[in-house]
Amino acid sequence: MEQDVFPLDRLLPLETVHNIFAEEYAKHPNKGIFFKNREFQRLREGYIGLFVATSLWDTSGNRHFIVFPEKPDNDLYIAYQMNEKQMGVYEFDVKEFTDHSPSFEDFVEKSIVPKLGVYNIVITTYRNVGEKEAKYLIDLLQKENTSRQIWFLGAPTENDETPDISRVSIIGKHGLVYDKIINLNDWLDKTKPLAVFHDLLRIKHPPLSDR
C-alpha cells in the first residue's frame, strides 16, 4: 500500500500539516495541478483542513488539530482539547464543486445530501457561488433539521491564487454562521518544527451546536 502523505490516526498541529503541504506544493511549477489532479487529493484535504481548523480556532478561541483517519469513512477530523483527559473531534467530509457538475443543485443532490446528517461538510470551489447557493443549503439544513454545518472555501477573489489565503463561510440551519477571509500567516507559526502527537486521548464527538 502506498504510504500516505500525512501520518494517519494521529493528532497533527496545523503547522505540521502546513509544512508538509508547502513542501510538496513547492516541488511543482504548475500549481494548478494541486487543485485538479486526483493524486493530490489527500494534500488538498490537508490544505482545506487548515482553513476549517483555523475558523473553529477563531470562533472558539481554542487551538485545533487535524486527524486523518485510517478508515476511509470520512476525510478528516478536526480535534481540540476538551479537558485533561478528553479530546473533542468533529467529522468532516470534503466535496469539490467543479466544472464536471452541470449545476449546483445537481452537485448537492449527488454529493451533499447522502452525507448530510452524518458528517459536517466542506465544499471547496473556484466556481462562482453566492447568496442563491447559500440559501439553497440553508433550506436543505432546515429541512433535514440537523445540527451539522457546511463550510464553503474559495479564493477571496476569482483571480487570487495565494494558497495561504481563503474565504471561509460556515452555514447552519439558522443561516450564515461565519464569513471571513483567513490568512494562515496570521495564525500559524511556520518556524515550528514538525510535530506529531502519538498518544490520542479518549475521543468524544459533540455536535457543533454544543460548543
N, C-alpha and C. Protein backbone atom coordinates (compact mmCIF):
# COMPACT_ATOMS: atom_id res chain seq x y z
N MET A 1 0.85 -1.19 0.00
CA MET A 1 0.00 0.00 0.00
C MET A 1 0.88 1.24 0.00
N GLU A 2 0.53 2.24 -0.80
CA GLU A 2 1.30 3.46 -0.87
C GLU A 2 1.17 4.23 0.44
N GLN A 3 2.30 4.74 0.92
CA GLN A 3 2.31 5.48 2.18
C GLN A 3 1.57 6.79 2.03
N ASP A 4 0.75 7.11 3.03
CA ASP A 4 0.00 8.35 2.99
C ASP A 4 0.94 9.52 3.24
N VAL A 5 0.63 10.65 2.63
CA VAL A 5 1.49 11.82 2.77
C VAL A 5 1.44 12.38 4.19
N PHE A 6 0.31 12.18 4.90
CA PHE A 6 0.19 12.60 6.29
C PHE A 6 0.11 11.38 7.20
N PRO A 7 0.68 11.45 8.41
CA PRO A 7 0.50 10.35 9.37
C PRO A 7 -0.98 10.14 9.67
N LEU A 8 -1.40 8.89 9.78
CA LEU A 8 -2.82 8.57 9.99
C LEU A 8 -3.11 8.32 11.46
N ASP A 9 -4.34 8.67 11.87
CA ASP A 9 -4.82 8.45 13.23
C ASP A 9 -3.91 9.09 14.27
N ARG A 10 -3.38 10.26 13.96
CA ARG A 10 -2.52 10.99 14.89
C ARG A 10 -2.95 12.45 14.93
N LEU A 11 -2.79 13.07 16.09
CA LEU A 11 -3.06 14.50 16.21
C LEU A 11 -1.93 15.28 15.55
N LEU A 12 -2.28 16.08 14.55
CA LEU A 12 -1.29 16.86 13.84
C LEU A 12 -1.52 18.35 14.08
N PRO A 13 -0.52 19.06 14.61
CA PRO A 13 -0.65 20.52 14.71
C PRO A 13 -0.82 21.12 13.32
N LEU A 14 -1.47 22.26 13.25
CA LEU A 14 -1.70 22.89 11.96
C LEU A 14 -0.39 23.22 11.25
N GLU A 15 0.63 23.60 12.02
CA GLU A 15 1.92 23.91 11.42
C GLU A 15 2.52 22.70 10.72
N THR A 16 2.33 21.51 11.29
CA THR A 16 2.86 20.29 10.67
C THR A 16 2.17 20.02 9.34
N VAL A 17 0.85 20.13 9.33
CA VAL A 17 0.10 19.91 8.09
C VAL A 17 0.50 20.93 7.04
N HIS A 18 0.63 22.19 7.46
CA HIS A 18 1.00 23.24 6.51
C HIS A 18 2.40 23.00 5.94
N ASN A 19 3.35 22.61 6.78
CA ASN A 19 4.71 22.38 6.32
C ASN A 19 4.79 21.25 5.30
N ILE A 20 4.04 20.18 5.55
CA ILE A 20 4.02 19.05 4.61
C ILE A 20 3.40 19.48 3.28
N PHE A 21 2.28 20.21 3.37
CA PHE A 21 1.65 20.69 2.14
C PHE A 21 2.58 21.62 1.37
N ALA A 22 3.18 22.58 2.08
CA ALA A 22 4.02 23.58 1.41
C ALA A 22 5.23 22.94 0.75
N GLU A 23 5.78 21.92 1.38
CA GLU A 23 6.95 21.23 0.80
C GLU A 23 6.59 20.56 -0.52
N GLU A 24 5.44 19.89 -0.55
CA GLU A 24 5.01 19.24 -1.78
C GLU A 24 4.59 20.26 -2.83
N TYR A 25 3.94 21.31 -2.37
CA TYR A 25 3.46 22.37 -3.27
C TYR A 25 4.62 23.05 -4.00
N ALA A 26 5.74 23.21 -3.28
CA ALA A 26 6.89 23.91 -3.85
C ALA A 26 7.62 23.09 -4.91
N LYS A 27 7.38 21.78 -4.94
CA LYS A 27 8.11 20.91 -5.86
C LYS A 27 7.62 21.05 -7.30
N HIS A 28 6.41 21.57 -7.50
CA HIS A 28 5.79 21.53 -8.82
C HIS A 28 5.60 22.95 -9.37
N PRO A 29 6.11 23.21 -10.56
CA PRO A 29 5.96 24.55 -11.15
C PRO A 29 4.52 24.86 -11.53
N ASN A 30 3.73 23.85 -11.87
CA ASN A 30 2.33 24.05 -12.24
C ASN A 30 1.46 23.90 -11.00
N LYS A 31 1.18 25.00 -10.34
CA LYS A 31 0.46 24.95 -9.07
C LYS A 31 -1.00 24.51 -9.25
N GLY A 32 -1.55 24.71 -10.43
CA GLY A 32 -2.94 24.36 -10.66
C GLY A 32 -3.23 22.88 -10.51
N ILE A 33 -2.21 22.03 -10.66
CA ILE A 33 -2.46 20.59 -10.58
C ILE A 33 -2.89 20.16 -9.18
N PHE A 34 -2.50 20.92 -8.17
CA PHE A 34 -2.86 20.54 -6.81
C PHE A 34 -4.36 20.64 -6.57
N PHE A 35 -5.03 21.46 -7.35
CA PHE A 35 -6.45 21.66 -7.12
C PHE A 35 -7.30 20.96 -8.18
N LYS A 36 -6.65 20.07 -8.98
CA LYS A 36 -7.39 19.37 -10.03
C LYS A 36 -7.10 17.86 -10.05
N ASN A 37 -5.84 17.48 -9.93
CA ASN A 37 -5.45 16.07 -10.09
C ASN A 37 -5.82 15.24 -8.87
N ARG A 38 -6.32 14.03 -9.11
CA ARG A 38 -6.75 13.14 -8.03
C ARG A 38 -5.58 12.69 -7.17
N GLU A 39 -4.38 12.62 -7.73
CA GLU A 39 -3.23 12.14 -6.96
C GLU A 39 -2.90 13.08 -5.80
N PHE A 40 -3.37 14.30 -5.85
CA PHE A 40 -3.10 15.26 -4.78
C PHE A 40 -4.32 15.47 -3.88
N GLN A 41 -5.25 14.53 -3.91
CA GLN A 41 -6.48 14.70 -3.15
C GLN A 41 -6.22 14.80 -1.65
N ARG A 42 -5.34 13.94 -1.12
CA ARG A 42 -5.05 13.99 0.32
C ARG A 42 -4.36 15.30 0.69
N LEU A 43 -3.46 15.77 -0.17
CA LEU A 43 -2.83 17.07 0.09
C LEU A 43 -3.87 18.18 0.13
N ARG A 44 -4.84 18.11 -0.79
CA ARG A 44 -5.90 19.12 -0.80
C ARG A 44 -6.73 19.05 0.48
N GLU A 45 -6.99 17.83 0.95
CA GLU A 45 -7.75 17.69 2.19
C GLU A 45 -7.00 18.30 3.37
N GLY A 46 -5.68 18.14 3.37
CA GLY A 46 -4.88 18.78 4.41
C GLY A 46 -4.92 20.29 4.31
N TYR A 47 -4.80 20.78 3.09
CA TYR A 47 -4.86 22.22 2.84
C TYR A 47 -6.22 22.78 3.28
N ILE A 48 -7.28 22.11 2.90
CA ILE A 48 -8.63 22.54 3.27
C ILE A 48 -8.83 22.48 4.78
N GLY A 49 -8.30 21.40 5.39
CA GLY A 49 -8.43 21.25 6.83
C GLY A 49 -7.80 22.39 7.62
N LEU A 50 -6.74 22.99 7.06
CA LEU A 50 -6.09 24.12 7.73
C LEU A 50 -7.06 25.28 7.93
N PHE A 51 -7.86 25.56 6.91
CA PHE A 51 -8.79 26.69 7.00
C PHE A 51 -9.99 26.35 7.87
N VAL A 52 -10.46 25.10 7.81
CA VAL A 52 -11.57 24.69 8.66
C VAL A 52 -11.15 24.78 10.13
N ALA A 53 -9.98 24.22 10.43
CA ALA A 53 -9.50 24.23 11.82
C ALA A 53 -9.26 25.66 12.31
N THR A 54 -8.75 26.51 11.44
CA THR A 54 -8.49 27.90 11.84
C THR A 54 -9.79 28.65 12.09
N SER A 55 -10.82 28.38 11.29
CA SER A 55 -12.12 29.03 11.52
C SER A 55 -12.70 28.61 12.87
N LEU A 56 -12.52 27.34 13.25
CA LEU A 56 -13.00 26.88 14.55
C LEU A 56 -12.16 27.47 15.68
N TRP A 57 -10.89 27.59 15.45
CA TRP A 57 -9.99 28.26 16.40
C TRP A 57 -10.44 29.71 16.60
N ASP A 58 -10.77 30.36 15.51
CA ASP A 58 -11.20 31.76 15.55
C ASP A 58 -12.49 31.93 16.33
N THR A 59 -13.43 31.02 16.13
CA THR A 59 -14.74 31.17 16.76
C THR A 59 -14.76 30.69 18.21
N SER A 60 -13.86 29.77 18.57
CA SER A 60 -13.88 29.20 19.91
C SER A 60 -12.78 29.73 20.82
N GLY A 61 -11.69 30.22 20.21
CA GLY A 61 -10.53 30.63 21.00
C GLY A 61 -9.61 29.50 21.38
N ASN A 62 -9.95 28.28 20.95
CA ASN A 62 -9.14 27.10 21.27
C ASN A 62 -8.38 26.63 20.04
N ARG A 63 -7.08 26.35 20.22
CA ARG A 63 -6.29 25.80 19.12
C ARG A 63 -6.82 24.41 18.75
N HIS A 64 -6.89 24.14 17.46
CA HIS A 64 -7.39 22.86 16.97
C HIS A 64 -6.30 22.09 16.24
N PHE A 65 -6.54 20.79 16.08
CA PHE A 65 -5.62 19.89 15.41
C PHE A 65 -6.35 19.17 14.29
N ILE A 66 -5.58 18.54 13.41
CA ILE A 66 -6.15 17.76 12.31
C ILE A 66 -5.79 16.29 12.49
N VAL A 67 -6.75 15.42 12.28
CA VAL A 67 -6.53 13.97 12.31
C VAL A 67 -7.03 13.39 10.99
N PHE A 68 -6.17 12.63 10.32
CA PHE A 68 -6.57 11.92 9.10
C PHE A 68 -6.83 10.47 9.47
N PRO A 69 -8.09 10.02 9.40
CA PRO A 69 -8.41 8.66 9.84
C PRO A 69 -7.91 7.60 8.86
N GLU A 70 -7.45 6.50 9.43
CA GLU A 70 -7.01 5.39 8.57
C GLU A 70 -8.19 4.75 7.86
N LYS A 71 -9.33 4.61 8.57
CA LYS A 71 -10.53 4.09 7.93
C LYS A 71 -11.14 5.16 7.04
N PRO A 72 -11.51 4.81 5.82
CA PRO A 72 -11.97 5.82 4.86
C PRO A 72 -13.43 6.21 5.00
N ASP A 73 -13.97 6.21 6.23
CA ASP A 73 -15.38 6.57 6.42
C ASP A 73 -15.61 8.05 6.11
N ASN A 74 -14.69 8.89 6.56
CA ASN A 74 -14.76 10.32 6.26
C ASN A 74 -13.34 10.82 6.03
N ASP A 75 -13.21 12.06 5.56
CA ASP A 75 -11.91 12.54 5.09
C ASP A 75 -10.99 13.00 6.21
N LEU A 76 -11.54 13.70 7.20
CA LEU A 76 -10.67 14.19 8.27
C LEU A 76 -11.49 14.53 9.50
N TYR A 77 -10.79 14.61 10.63
CA TYR A 77 -11.35 15.09 11.88
C TYR A 77 -10.65 16.40 12.24
N ILE A 78 -11.38 17.29 12.86
CA ILE A 78 -10.80 18.46 13.50
C ILE A 78 -10.97 18.25 15.00
N ALA A 79 -9.85 18.27 15.73
CA ALA A 79 -9.86 17.92 17.15
C ALA A 79 -9.43 19.10 18.01
N TYR A 80 -9.90 19.09 19.25
CA TYR A 80 -9.49 20.10 20.22
C TYR A 80 -9.55 19.50 21.61
N GLN A 81 -8.83 20.09 22.54
CA GLN A 81 -8.76 19.59 23.91
C GLN A 81 -9.99 20.05 24.69
N MET A 82 -10.81 19.08 25.12
CA MET A 82 -11.98 19.41 25.92
C MET A 82 -11.60 19.58 27.39
N ASN A 83 -10.76 18.65 27.89
CA ASN A 83 -10.25 18.71 29.25
C ASN A 83 -8.96 17.90 29.29
N GLU A 84 -8.42 17.65 30.47
CA GLU A 84 -7.13 16.98 30.57
C GLU A 84 -7.16 15.54 30.05
N LYS A 85 -8.32 14.93 29.99
CA LYS A 85 -8.39 13.53 29.62
C LYS A 85 -9.18 13.27 28.34
N GLN A 86 -9.67 14.28 27.72
CA GLN A 86 -10.60 14.04 26.61
C GLN A 86 -10.40 15.05 25.49
N MET A 87 -10.44 14.52 24.26
CA MET A 87 -10.41 15.36 23.07
C MET A 87 -11.80 15.34 22.43
N GLY A 88 -12.22 16.49 21.94
CA GLY A 88 -13.44 16.55 21.14
C GLY A 88 -13.05 16.55 19.67
N VAL A 89 -13.78 15.85 18.85
CA VAL A 89 -13.49 15.84 17.42
C VAL A 89 -14.76 16.04 16.62
N TYR A 90 -14.62 16.68 15.48
CA TYR A 90 -15.71 16.87 14.55
C TYR A 90 -15.34 16.18 13.24
N GLU A 91 -16.27 15.37 12.73
CA GLU A 91 -16.02 14.64 11.48
C GLU A 91 -16.36 15.52 10.29
N PHE A 92 -15.49 15.49 9.30
CA PHE A 92 -15.70 16.27 8.09
C PHE A 92 -15.53 15.41 6.84
N ASP A 93 -16.38 15.69 5.88
CA ASP A 93 -16.24 15.11 4.55
C ASP A 93 -16.05 16.27 3.57
N VAL A 94 -15.08 16.14 2.69
CA VAL A 94 -14.72 17.21 1.76
C VAL A 94 -15.30 16.91 0.38
N LYS A 95 -16.00 17.89 -0.19
CA LYS A 95 -16.57 17.74 -1.53
C LYS A 95 -16.11 18.91 -2.39
N GLU A 96 -15.79 18.63 -3.63
CA GLU A 96 -15.28 19.64 -4.55
C GLU A 96 -16.31 19.92 -5.64
N PHE A 97 -16.77 21.16 -5.69
CA PHE A 97 -17.73 21.59 -6.70
C PHE A 97 -16.94 22.09 -7.91
N THR A 98 -16.88 21.27 -8.95
CA THR A 98 -16.04 21.56 -10.12
C THR A 98 -16.91 21.76 -11.36
N ASP A 99 -16.24 21.98 -12.47
CA ASP A 99 -16.95 22.17 -13.74
C ASP A 99 -17.60 20.89 -14.24
N HIS A 100 -17.29 19.76 -13.60
CA HIS A 100 -17.91 18.49 -14.01
C HIS A 100 -19.38 18.42 -13.60
N SER A 101 -19.77 19.22 -12.62
CA SER A 101 -21.17 19.24 -12.18
C SER A 101 -21.97 20.19 -13.07
N PRO A 102 -23.07 19.74 -13.66
CA PRO A 102 -23.85 20.60 -14.54
C PRO A 102 -24.50 21.78 -13.83
N SER A 103 -24.79 21.60 -12.52
CA SER A 103 -25.40 22.68 -11.76
C SER A 103 -25.11 22.47 -10.29
N PHE A 104 -25.30 23.52 -9.50
CA PHE A 104 -25.08 23.41 -8.06
C PHE A 104 -26.10 22.47 -7.43
N GLU A 105 -27.33 22.56 -7.89
CA GLU A 105 -28.38 21.69 -7.35
C GLU A 105 -28.06 20.22 -7.61
N ASP A 106 -27.56 19.92 -8.79
CA ASP A 106 -27.19 18.55 -9.13
C ASP A 106 -26.03 18.07 -8.24
N PHE A 107 -25.05 18.94 -8.03
CA PHE A 107 -23.92 18.62 -7.17
C PHE A 107 -24.38 18.32 -5.74
N VAL A 108 -25.26 19.17 -5.21
CA VAL A 108 -25.74 18.98 -3.84
C VAL A 108 -26.52 17.67 -3.72
N GLU A 109 -27.37 17.41 -4.68
CA GLU A 109 -28.20 16.19 -4.64
C GLU A 109 -27.34 14.93 -4.65
N LYS A 110 -26.29 14.93 -5.45
CA LYS A 110 -25.47 13.73 -5.60
C LYS A 110 -24.38 13.61 -4.55
N SER A 111 -23.81 14.73 -4.12
CA SER A 111 -22.62 14.68 -3.26
C SER A 111 -22.87 15.08 -1.81
N ILE A 112 -23.83 15.98 -1.57
CA ILE A 112 -24.03 16.51 -0.22
C ILE A 112 -25.15 15.79 0.52
N VAL A 113 -26.28 15.62 -0.12
CA VAL A 113 -27.45 15.04 0.54
C VAL A 113 -27.16 13.68 1.17
N PRO A 114 -26.45 12.76 0.49
CA PRO A 114 -26.18 11.45 1.13
C PRO A 114 -25.33 11.53 2.40
N LYS A 115 -24.55 12.59 2.55
CA LYS A 115 -23.67 12.73 3.71
C LYS A 115 -24.25 13.64 4.79
N LEU A 116 -25.28 14.37 4.44
CA LEU A 116 -25.85 15.35 5.37
C LEU A 116 -26.44 14.63 6.58
N GLY A 117 -26.17 15.14 7.75
CA GLY A 117 -26.64 14.49 8.97
C GLY A 117 -25.67 13.46 9.50
N VAL A 118 -24.70 13.06 8.68
CA VAL A 118 -23.69 12.09 9.09
C VAL A 118 -22.38 12.80 9.45
N TYR A 119 -21.98 13.72 8.59
CA TYR A 119 -20.75 14.48 8.79
C TYR A 119 -21.03 15.97 8.59
N ASN A 120 -20.12 16.79 9.09
CA ASN A 120 -20.06 18.17 8.64
C ASN A 120 -19.44 18.16 7.26
N ILE A 121 -19.86 19.06 6.40
CA ILE A 121 -19.43 19.04 5.01
C ILE A 121 -18.59 20.27 4.71
N VAL A 122 -17.51 20.07 3.95
CA VAL A 122 -16.72 21.18 3.42
C VAL A 122 -16.87 21.16 1.90
N ILE A 123 -17.34 22.27 1.35
CA ILE A 123 -17.43 22.42 -0.11
C ILE A 123 -16.34 23.40 -0.53
N THR A 124 -15.45 22.94 -1.39
CA THR A 124 -14.42 23.83 -1.92
C THR A 124 -14.67 24.02 -3.41
N THR A 125 -14.53 25.26 -3.86
CA THR A 125 -14.86 25.55 -5.26
C THR A 125 -14.16 26.81 -5.74
N TYR A 126 -13.92 26.83 -7.04
CA TYR A 126 -13.47 28.05 -7.70
C TYR A 126 -14.54 28.56 -8.67
N ARG A 127 -15.70 27.91 -8.65
CA ARG A 127 -16.82 28.39 -9.43
C ARG A 127 -17.52 29.52 -8.66
N ASN A 128 -18.27 30.30 -9.39
CA ASN A 128 -18.99 31.41 -8.77
C ASN A 128 -20.18 30.89 -7.97
N VAL A 129 -20.18 31.16 -6.68
CA VAL A 129 -21.31 30.82 -5.81
C VAL A 129 -21.64 32.07 -5.00
N GLY A 130 -22.89 32.18 -4.59
CA GLY A 130 -23.30 33.37 -3.88
C GLY A 130 -24.49 33.13 -2.99
N GLU A 131 -25.32 34.15 -2.83
CA GLU A 131 -26.45 34.08 -1.90
C GLU A 131 -27.45 33.01 -2.31
N LYS A 132 -27.65 32.81 -3.60
CA LYS A 132 -28.61 31.82 -4.06
C LYS A 132 -28.21 30.43 -3.59
N GLU A 133 -26.92 30.10 -3.76
CA GLU A 133 -26.45 28.77 -3.35
C GLU A 133 -26.47 28.62 -1.83
N ALA A 134 -26.13 29.71 -1.12
CA ALA A 134 -26.17 29.66 0.34
C ALA A 134 -27.59 29.44 0.84
N LYS A 135 -28.54 30.14 0.25
CA LYS A 135 -29.95 29.96 0.63
C LYS A 135 -30.42 28.53 0.36
N TYR A 136 -29.96 27.97 -0.73
CA TYR A 136 -30.32 26.59 -1.08
C TYR A 136 -29.84 25.62 0.01
N LEU A 137 -28.63 25.84 0.51
CA LEU A 137 -28.08 24.97 1.55
C LEU A 137 -28.77 25.19 2.89
N ILE A 138 -29.09 26.44 3.21
CA ILE A 138 -29.80 26.73 4.46
C ILE A 138 -31.16 26.04 4.47
N ASP A 139 -31.88 26.14 3.36
CA ASP A 139 -33.19 25.47 3.25
C ASP A 139 -33.04 23.96 3.42
N LEU A 140 -31.97 23.42 2.87
CA LEU A 140 -31.73 21.98 2.97
C LEU A 140 -31.44 21.57 4.41
N LEU A 141 -30.61 22.34 5.11
CA LEU A 141 -30.30 22.05 6.50
C LEU A 141 -31.54 22.17 7.39
N GLN A 142 -32.39 23.16 7.09
CA GLN A 142 -33.63 23.31 7.86
C GLN A 142 -34.56 22.14 7.61
N LYS A 143 -34.63 21.71 6.38
CA LYS A 143 -35.49 20.57 6.03
C LYS A 143 -35.05 19.31 6.76
N GLU A 144 -33.72 19.11 6.83
CA GLU A 144 -33.18 17.92 7.50
C GLU A 144 -33.15 18.09 9.02
N ASN A 145 -33.30 19.34 9.50
CA ASN A 145 -33.28 19.65 10.93
C ASN A 145 -32.04 19.05 11.61
N THR A 146 -30.88 19.31 11.03
CA THR A 146 -29.63 18.75 11.54
C THR A 146 -28.75 19.84 12.14
N SER A 147 -27.97 19.47 13.15
CA SER A 147 -27.01 20.40 13.74
C SER A 147 -25.70 20.44 12.96
N ARG A 148 -25.56 19.57 11.97
CA ARG A 148 -24.37 19.59 11.13
C ARG A 148 -24.30 20.91 10.36
N GLN A 149 -23.09 21.31 10.02
CA GLN A 149 -22.89 22.56 9.31
C GLN A 149 -22.10 22.34 8.03
N ILE A 150 -22.15 23.33 7.16
CA ILE A 150 -21.48 23.24 5.86
C ILE A 150 -20.50 24.40 5.74
N TRP A 151 -19.25 24.08 5.42
CA TRP A 151 -18.21 25.07 5.18
C TRP A 151 -18.07 25.29 3.68
N PHE A 152 -17.93 26.56 3.28
CA PHE A 152 -17.62 26.94 1.90
C PHE A 152 -16.20 27.52 1.90
N LEU A 153 -15.33 27.00 1.04
CA LEU A 153 -13.98 27.53 0.90
C LEU A 153 -13.74 27.93 -0.54
N GLY A 154 -13.12 29.09 -0.71
CA GLY A 154 -12.75 29.52 -2.04
C GLY A 154 -11.75 30.65 -1.96
N ALA A 155 -11.16 31.03 -3.09
CA ALA A 155 -10.24 32.15 -3.10
C ALA A 155 -11.00 33.43 -2.75
N PRO A 156 -10.37 34.38 -2.05
CA PRO A 156 -11.05 35.64 -1.71
C PRO A 156 -11.54 36.38 -2.94
N THR A 157 -10.79 36.33 -4.03
CA THR A 157 -11.23 36.89 -5.30
C THR A 157 -10.96 35.85 -6.37
N GLU A 158 -11.63 35.96 -7.50
CA GLU A 158 -11.52 34.94 -8.54
C GLU A 158 -10.11 34.82 -9.09
N ASN A 159 -9.33 35.90 -9.05
CA ASN A 159 -8.00 35.88 -9.64
C ASN A 159 -6.88 35.70 -8.61
N ASP A 160 -7.24 35.55 -7.34
CA ASP A 160 -6.23 35.43 -6.29
C ASP A 160 -5.89 33.96 -6.09
N GLU A 161 -4.64 33.59 -6.34
CA GLU A 161 -4.22 32.21 -6.21
C GLU A 161 -3.25 32.03 -5.04
N THR A 162 -3.25 32.96 -4.10
CA THR A 162 -2.38 32.86 -2.93
C THR A 162 -2.84 31.70 -2.06
N PRO A 163 -2.02 30.66 -1.88
CA PRO A 163 -2.51 29.46 -1.20
C PRO A 163 -2.77 29.64 0.28
N ASP A 164 -2.16 30.64 0.92
CA ASP A 164 -2.35 30.82 2.36
C ASP A 164 -3.54 31.69 2.70
N ILE A 165 -4.31 32.09 1.70
CA ILE A 165 -5.47 32.94 1.93
C ILE A 165 -6.70 32.31 1.31
N SER A 166 -7.79 32.27 2.06
CA SER A 166 -9.04 31.76 1.51
C SER A 166 -10.21 32.39 2.25
N ARG A 167 -11.31 32.59 1.55
CA ARG A 167 -12.55 32.99 2.19
C ARG A 167 -13.21 31.74 2.77
N VAL A 168 -13.63 31.82 4.02
CA VAL A 168 -14.27 30.70 4.69
C VAL A 168 -15.65 31.15 5.16
N SER A 169 -16.67 30.44 4.73
CA SER A 169 -18.04 30.72 5.16
C SER A 169 -18.61 29.45 5.80
N ILE A 170 -19.30 29.62 6.91
CA ILE A 170 -19.95 28.49 7.59
C ILE A 170 -21.45 28.71 7.58
N ILE A 171 -22.18 27.70 7.15
CA ILE A 171 -23.63 27.78 7.02
C ILE A 171 -24.28 26.75 7.93
N GLY A 172 -25.24 27.19 8.74
CA GLY A 172 -26.02 26.30 9.57
C GLY A 172 -27.49 26.42 9.22
N LYS A 173 -28.32 25.68 9.91
CA LYS A 173 -29.74 25.67 9.56
C LYS A 173 -30.42 27.00 9.88
N HIS A 174 -29.77 27.83 10.71
CA HIS A 174 -30.34 29.14 11.03
C HIS A 174 -29.74 30.26 10.19
N GLY A 175 -28.84 29.92 9.28
CA GLY A 175 -28.29 30.94 8.40
C GLY A 175 -26.77 30.94 8.38
N LEU A 176 -26.21 32.07 7.98
CA LEU A 176 -24.76 32.23 7.89
C LEU A 176 -24.17 32.38 9.29
N VAL A 177 -23.26 31.50 9.64
CA VAL A 177 -22.66 31.48 10.98
C VAL A 177 -21.34 32.25 11.01
N TYR A 178 -20.61 32.22 9.91
CA TYR A 178 -19.24 32.77 9.88
C TYR A 178 -18.91 33.11 8.45
N ASP A 179 -18.24 34.23 8.24
CA ASP A 179 -17.82 34.61 6.89
C ASP A 179 -16.61 35.53 7.00
N LYS A 180 -15.45 35.00 6.67
CA LYS A 180 -14.23 35.78 6.86
C LYS A 180 -13.15 35.30 5.90
N ILE A 181 -12.29 36.21 5.50
CA ILE A 181 -11.09 35.84 4.74
C ILE A 181 -10.00 35.49 5.75
N ILE A 182 -9.51 34.27 5.68
CA ILE A 182 -8.48 33.80 6.61
C ILE A 182 -7.13 33.80 5.91
N ASN A 183 -6.16 34.44 6.54
CA ASN A 183 -4.78 34.40 6.10
C ASN A 183 -4.01 33.54 7.10
N LEU A 184 -3.56 32.38 6.66
CA LEU A 184 -2.88 31.46 7.57
C LEU A 184 -1.63 32.07 8.18
N ASN A 185 -1.03 33.03 7.51
CA ASN A 185 0.17 33.68 8.05
C ASN A 185 -0.13 34.42 9.36
N ASP A 186 -1.39 34.78 9.57
CA ASP A 186 -1.77 35.48 10.80
C ASP A 186 -1.99 34.51 11.96
N TRP A 187 -2.03 33.22 11.67
CA TRP A 187 -2.40 32.23 12.69
C TRP A 187 -1.31 31.21 12.98
N LEU A 188 -0.52 30.85 11.98
CA LEU A 188 0.43 29.75 12.14
C LEU A 188 1.85 30.26 12.37
N ASP A 189 2.56 29.56 13.24
CA ASP A 189 3.98 29.82 13.46
C ASP A 189 4.75 28.84 12.58
N LYS A 190 5.16 29.30 11.42
CA LYS A 190 5.78 28.40 10.44
C LYS A 190 7.22 28.06 10.77
N THR A 191 7.74 28.62 11.86
CA THR A 191 9.09 28.27 12.29
C THR A 191 9.10 27.04 13.19
N LYS A 192 7.92 26.58 13.59
CA LYS A 192 7.85 25.41 14.46
C LYS A 192 8.31 24.16 13.72
N PRO A 193 9.06 23.27 14.39
CA PRO A 193 9.46 22.01 13.76
C PRO A 193 8.26 21.09 13.61
N LEU A 194 8.37 20.11 12.70
CA LEU A 194 7.30 19.15 12.51
C LEU A 194 7.04 18.39 13.80
N ALA A 195 5.77 18.22 14.15
CA ALA A 195 5.41 17.51 15.37
C ALA A 195 4.21 16.63 15.10
N VAL A 196 4.21 15.43 15.70
CA VAL A 196 3.09 14.50 15.62
C VAL A 196 2.82 14.00 17.03
N PHE A 197 1.58 14.12 17.48
CA PHE A 197 1.22 13.63 18.80
C PHE A 197 0.68 12.21 18.66
N HIS A 198 1.40 11.25 19.23
CA HIS A 198 1.06 9.84 19.00
C HIS A 198 0.03 9.32 19.99
N ASP A 199 -0.08 9.92 21.15
CA ASP A 199 -0.99 9.41 22.17
C ASP A 199 -2.34 10.12 22.07
N LEU A 200 -3.30 9.46 21.42
CA LEU A 200 -4.64 10.03 21.31
C LEU A 200 -5.39 9.82 22.62
N LEU A 201 -5.90 10.90 23.17
CA LEU A 201 -6.73 10.78 24.37
C LEU A 201 -8.12 10.30 23.97
N ARG A 202 -8.93 9.98 24.98
CA ARG A 202 -10.27 9.47 24.69
C ARG A 202 -11.05 10.49 23.87
N ILE A 203 -11.70 10.00 22.84
CA ILE A 203 -12.37 10.87 21.87
C ILE A 203 -13.86 10.97 22.17
N LYS A 204 -14.39 12.16 22.05
CA LYS A 204 -15.83 12.39 22.15
C LYS A 204 -16.26 13.16 20.92
N HIS A 205 -17.46 12.91 20.44
CA HIS A 205 -17.97 13.54 19.23
C HIS A 205 -19.16 14.46 19.55
N PRO A 206 -18.90 15.64 20.09
CA PRO A 206 -20.01 16.55 20.40
C PRO A 206 -20.51 17.25 19.13
N PRO A 207 -21.79 17.54 19.05
CA PRO A 207 -22.26 18.34 17.92
C PRO A 207 -21.73 19.75 18.02
N LEU A 208 -21.58 20.40 16.86
CA LEU A 208 -21.03 21.76 16.87
C LEU A 208 -21.91 22.71 17.66
N SER A 209 -23.20 22.45 17.70
CA SER A 209 -24.11 23.36 18.39
C SER A 209 -23.90 23.34 19.91
N ASP A 210 -23.15 22.34 20.43
CA ASP A 210 -22.91 22.25 21.86
C ASP A 210 -21.73 23.08 22.32
N ARG A 211 -21.02 23.75 21.39
CA ARG A 211 -19.81 24.48 21.75
C ARG A 211 -20.16 25.77 22.45
